[in-house]
Amino acid sequence: MQWSLVIPLKPLALAKSRLADTATDALRPGLALAFAVDTVTAALACTAVRDVAVVTNDELAGRELAALGARIVPDDPRAGLNAALAHAAAAVRATLPDSAVAALNADLPALRPPELARVLDAAAQFPRAFLPDAAAIGTTLLAVAPGHELLPAFGTDSRARHRASGATELRPTAVDSVRQDVDTGEDLRAALALGVGPRTAAAAARLLIPGQ
């Protein structure tokens, strides 16, 4: 099965506020963009991925991610993460009505294409499925088969919310790079330990990260 991915990215100036202990206000937008660049690059290199749509209203991010080969979908609803994802999924299916669709976080800088392929192959066995994050509280990927609605429930305790909504929780092994999103300095240290993409490595080199 070939997948269309939808990746949400808020305006860079508002992104990654929880990295305040690690990055200054001046550095956080660049770090958020670095995460997204490495995530989209890895996603486009995955053999299970047909195309990637990034839903964002950030002009700089849109230009850079479009240059990588991503389709940019404006966040017309402007009503939060879940509305943006539902809008992007609808935009994808307007042109590819029979597409399998998966929402993927934009902050997976250690993402490895073969691991993403394993997760998507596992998701293909179910009408709707999700992958919990490394903290086992949130969600990094929500996938639906053709003919099924995404119905995203990202946000606080999204693992429990997706499970309660009837989505199957995926439990593949050796997919740490798909689970390791980055919200805090601790998350960033964990991603760096896995091995991040070149854009994030360059951005992180400008930070003073305790423990590194």
Protein backbone atom coordinates (compact mmCIF):
# COMPACT_ATOMS: atom_id res chain seq x y z
CA MET A 1 0.00 0.00 0.00
CA GLN A 2 1.24 3.48 -0.90
CA TRP A 3 0.48 6.27 1.55
CA SER A 4 -0.20 9.98 1.39
CA LEU A 5 1.19 11.67 4.49
CA VAL A 6 -0.17 14.88 5.97
CA ILE A 7 2.23 16.74 8.22
CA PRO A 8 1.11 19.75 10.29
CA LEU A 9 3.42 22.66 11.03
CA LYS A 10 2.37 25.69 13.04
CA PRO A 11 3.93 29.12 12.31
CA LEU A 12 7.60 28.84 13.23
CA ALA A 13 7.47 31.86 15.54
CA LEU A 14 4.99 29.98 17.72
CA ALA A 15 6.63 26.56 17.56
CA LYS A 16 8.46 24.60 20.24
CA SER A 17 7.81 26.88 23.21
CA ARG A 18 8.62 23.97 25.56
CA LEU A 19 12.22 24.06 24.36
CA ALA A 20 12.73 27.28 26.33
CA ASP A 21 15.12 25.44 28.66
CA THR A 22 17.31 24.51 25.71
CA ALA A 23 16.90 27.11 22.97
CA THR A 24 16.40 30.87 23.05
CA ASP A 25 13.45 32.60 21.43
CA ALA A 26 15.74 33.47 18.52
CA LEU A 27 16.81 29.86 17.93
CA ARG A 28 13.53 27.98 18.38
CA PRO A 29 11.99 28.85 14.97
CA GLY A 30 15.09 27.60 13.19
CA LEU A 31 15.09 24.45 15.26
CA ALA A 32 11.42 23.78 14.48
CA LEU A 33 12.12 24.24 10.77
CA ALA A 34 15.11 21.91 11.00
CA PHE A 35 12.93 19.21 12.58
CA ALA A 36 10.38 19.60 9.79
CA VAL A 37 12.98 19.54 7.01
CA ASP A 38 14.53 16.33 8.32
CA THR A 39 11.11 14.77 8.91
CA VAL A 40 9.83 15.56 5.41
CA THR A 41 13.11 14.50 3.80
CA ALA A 42 12.96 11.11 5.50
CA ALA A 43 9.25 10.69 4.77
CA LEU A 44 9.73 11.36 1.06
CA ALA A 45 12.54 8.78 1.01
CA CYS A 46 10.27 6.07 2.45
CA THR A 47 9.29 3.39 -0.07
CA ALA A 48 5.77 3.19 1.39
CA VAL A 49 5.09 6.91 0.87
CA ARG A 50 3.59 8.17 -2.37
CA ASP A 51 3.44 11.85 -1.46
CA VAL A 52 3.64 14.29 1.42
CA ALA A 53 1.35 17.26 2.09
CA VAL A 54 2.40 19.80 4.71
CA VAL A 55 -0.38 21.91 6.17
CA THR A 56 1.03 25.25 7.23
CA ASN A 57 0.62 28.99 6.85
CA ASP A 58 4.29 29.72 7.49
CA GLU A 59 5.73 31.16 4.27
CA LEU A 60 9.38 30.33 4.96
CA ALA A 61 8.63 26.75 5.95
CA GLY A 62 6.30 26.39 3.00
CA ARG A 63 8.99 27.46 0.53
CA GLU A 64 11.66 25.18 2.01
CA LEU A 65 9.44 22.14 2.30
CA ALA A 66 7.98 22.63 -1.17
CA ALA A 67 11.52 22.68 -2.52
CA LEU A 68 12.00 19.21 -1.03
CA GLY A 69 8.98 17.93 -2.96
CA ALA A 70 6.17 18.35 -0.44
CA ARG A 71 2.78 19.74 -1.39
CA ILE A 72 1.86 22.76 0.74
CA VAL A 73 -1.75 22.99 1.92
CA PRO A 74 -2.73 26.30 3.55
CA ASP A 75 -4.30 25.95 6.98
CA ASP A 76 -7.54 27.61 5.93
CA PRO A 77 -9.60 26.51 8.97
CA ARG A 78 -7.11 28.17 11.37
CA ALA A 79 -8.87 26.23 14.12
CA GLY A 80 -6.08 24.20 15.63
CA LEU A 81 -4.14 21.04 14.90
CA ASN A 82 -6.98 18.57 14.40
CA ALA A 83 -8.94 20.86 12.10
CA ALA A 84 -5.77 21.48 10.07
CA LEU A 85 -5.14 17.75 9.69
CA ALA A 86 -8.73 17.00 8.68
CA HIS A 87 -8.53 19.82 6.13
CA ALA A 88 -5.25 18.50 4.69
CA ALA A 89 -6.59 14.95 4.50
CA ALA A 90 -9.63 16.23 2.62
CA ALA A 91 -7.35 18.16 0.24
CA VAL A 92 -5.35 15.01 -0.47
CA ARG A 93 -8.45 12.96 -1.13
CA ALA A 94 -9.89 15.63 -3.39
CA THR A 95 -7.24 14.59 -5.91
CA LEU A 96 -6.53 11.03 -4.69
CA PRO A 97 -9.91 9.79 -3.44
CA ASP A 98 -8.75 6.21 -2.87
CA SER A 99 -5.58 7.12 -1.02
CA ALA A 100 -4.50 5.66 2.30
CA VAL A 101 -3.73 8.67 4.48
CA ALA A 102 -1.53 9.05 7.54
CA ALA A 103 -0.96 12.08 9.74
CA LEU A 104 2.65 12.33 10.89
CA ASN A 105 4.23 14.74 13.37
CA ALA A 106 6.61 17.36 11.97
CA ASP A 107 9.06 17.00 14.88
CA LEU A 108 10.64 13.62 14.19
CA PRO A 109 14.22 14.68 13.33
CA ALA A 110 15.65 11.17 13.81
CA LEU A 111 13.08 9.62 11.43
CA ARG A 112 14.41 6.69 9.40
CA PRO A 113 12.59 5.71 6.18
CA PRO A 114 12.74 1.91 6.78
CA GLU A 115 11.24 2.32 10.25
CA LEU A 116 8.45 4.52 8.90
CA ALA A 117 7.78 1.86 6.26
CA ARG A 118 7.43 -0.79 8.98
CA VAL A 119 4.91 1.34 10.85
CA LEU A 120 2.89 2.04 7.71
CA ASP A 121 2.95 -1.63 6.72
CA ALA A 122 1.58 -2.50 10.16
CA ALA A 123 -1.08 0.21 9.86
CA ALA A 124 -2.21 -1.20 6.52
CA GLN A 125 -3.71 -4.18 8.36
CA PHE A 126 -6.35 -2.00 10.05
CA PRO A 127 -9.03 0.51 8.98
CA ARG A 128 -7.62 3.10 11.39
CA ALA A 129 -4.51 2.83 13.55
CA PHE A 130 -2.05 4.95 15.50
CA LEU A 131 1.46 4.85 16.92
CA PRO A 132 2.07 6.21 20.44
CA ASP A 133 5.01 8.49 21.05
CA ALA A 134 8.12 7.56 23.03
CA ALA A 135 6.54 8.89 26.23
CA ALA A 136 3.52 6.60 25.69
CA ILE A 137 1.19 9.56 26.20
CA GLY A 138 0.89 11.21 22.82
CA THR A 139 0.68 10.08 19.19
CA THR A 140 3.19 10.49 16.38
CA LEU A 141 1.25 8.82 13.56
CA LEU A 142 -2.44 8.24 12.80
CA ALA A 143 -3.27 6.21 9.70
CA VAL A 144 -6.47 5.32 7.85
CA ALA A 145 -7.14 2.95 5.00
CA PRO A 146 -8.91 4.07 1.81
CA GLY A 147 -12.55 4.87 2.45
CA HIS A 148 -12.04 5.77 6.13
CA GLU A 149 -11.93 9.19 7.74
CA LEU A 150 -8.84 10.35 9.63
CA LEU A 151 -10.77 11.72 12.66
CA PRO A 152 -7.64 13.12 14.35
CA ALA A 153 -7.64 13.57 18.12
CA PHE A 154 -4.17 14.96 18.69
CA GLY A 155 -3.36 17.05 21.73
CA THR A 156 -3.20 16.25 25.44
CA ASP A 157 -3.35 12.49 26.12
CA SER A 158 -3.86 11.75 22.45
CA ARG A 159 -2.84 8.11 22.88
CA ALA A 160 -5.84 7.54 25.17
CA ARG A 161 -8.08 9.66 22.96
CA HIS A 162 -7.19 7.78 19.78
CA ARG A 163 -7.62 4.46 21.51
CA ALA A 164 -11.02 5.54 22.87
CA SER A 165 -12.05 6.62 19.37
CA GLY A 166 -11.64 3.04 18.13
CA ALA A 167 -8.26 3.30 16.44
CA THR A 168 -5.96 0.30 16.82
CA GLU A 169 -2.76 0.93 18.73
CA LEU A 170 0.26 -0.25 16.75
CA ARG A 171 3.08 -2.06 18.56
CA PRO A 172 5.83 -2.70 15.99
CA THR A 173 9.34 -3.20 17.31
CA ALA A 174 12.49 -1.27 16.37
CA VAL A 175 10.69 1.90 15.27
CA ASP A 176 12.09 4.31 17.87
CA SER A 177 12.78 6.98 15.26
CA VAL A 178 9.07 7.18 14.41
CA ARG A 179 8.10 7.52 18.06
CA GLN A 180 10.68 10.08 19.18
CA ASP A 181 9.05 13.46 18.74
CA VAL A 182 10.70 16.54 20.24
CA ASP A 183 8.92 18.90 22.58
CA THR A 184 11.46 19.32 25.40
CA GLY A 185 15.19 19.41 25.89
CA GLU A 186 15.06 15.84 27.15
CA ASP A 187 13.28 14.79 23.95
CA LEU A 188 15.94 16.50 21.88
CA ARG A 189 18.71 14.69 23.73
CA ALA A 190 16.93 11.39 23.06
CA ALA A 191 16.59 12.21 19.36
CA LEU A 192 20.25 13.19 19.13
CA ALA A 193 21.18 9.87 20.72
CA LEU A 194 19.21 8.07 17.99
CA GLY A 195 20.90 10.14 15.30
CA VAL A 196 19.15 13.11 13.73
CA GLY A 197 19.09 14.40 10.19
CA PRO A 198 21.69 16.90 8.95
CA ARG A 199 19.54 20.01 9.30
CA THR A 200 18.74 19.27 12.95
CA ALA A 201 22.34 18.29 13.68
CA ALA A 202 23.50 21.66 12.40
CA ALA A 203 20.85 23.56 14.36
CA ALA A 204 21.53 21.59 17.55
CA ALA A 205 25.23 22.34 17.30
CA ARG A 206 24.38 25.96 18.08
CA LEU A 207 22.70 24.99 21.35
CA LEU A 208 24.12 24.33 24.77
CA ILE A 209 22.45 21.04 25.69
CA PRO A 210 23.26 19.59 29.12
CA GLY A 211 24.22 15.96 28.85
CA GLN A 212 25.62 16.30 25.33
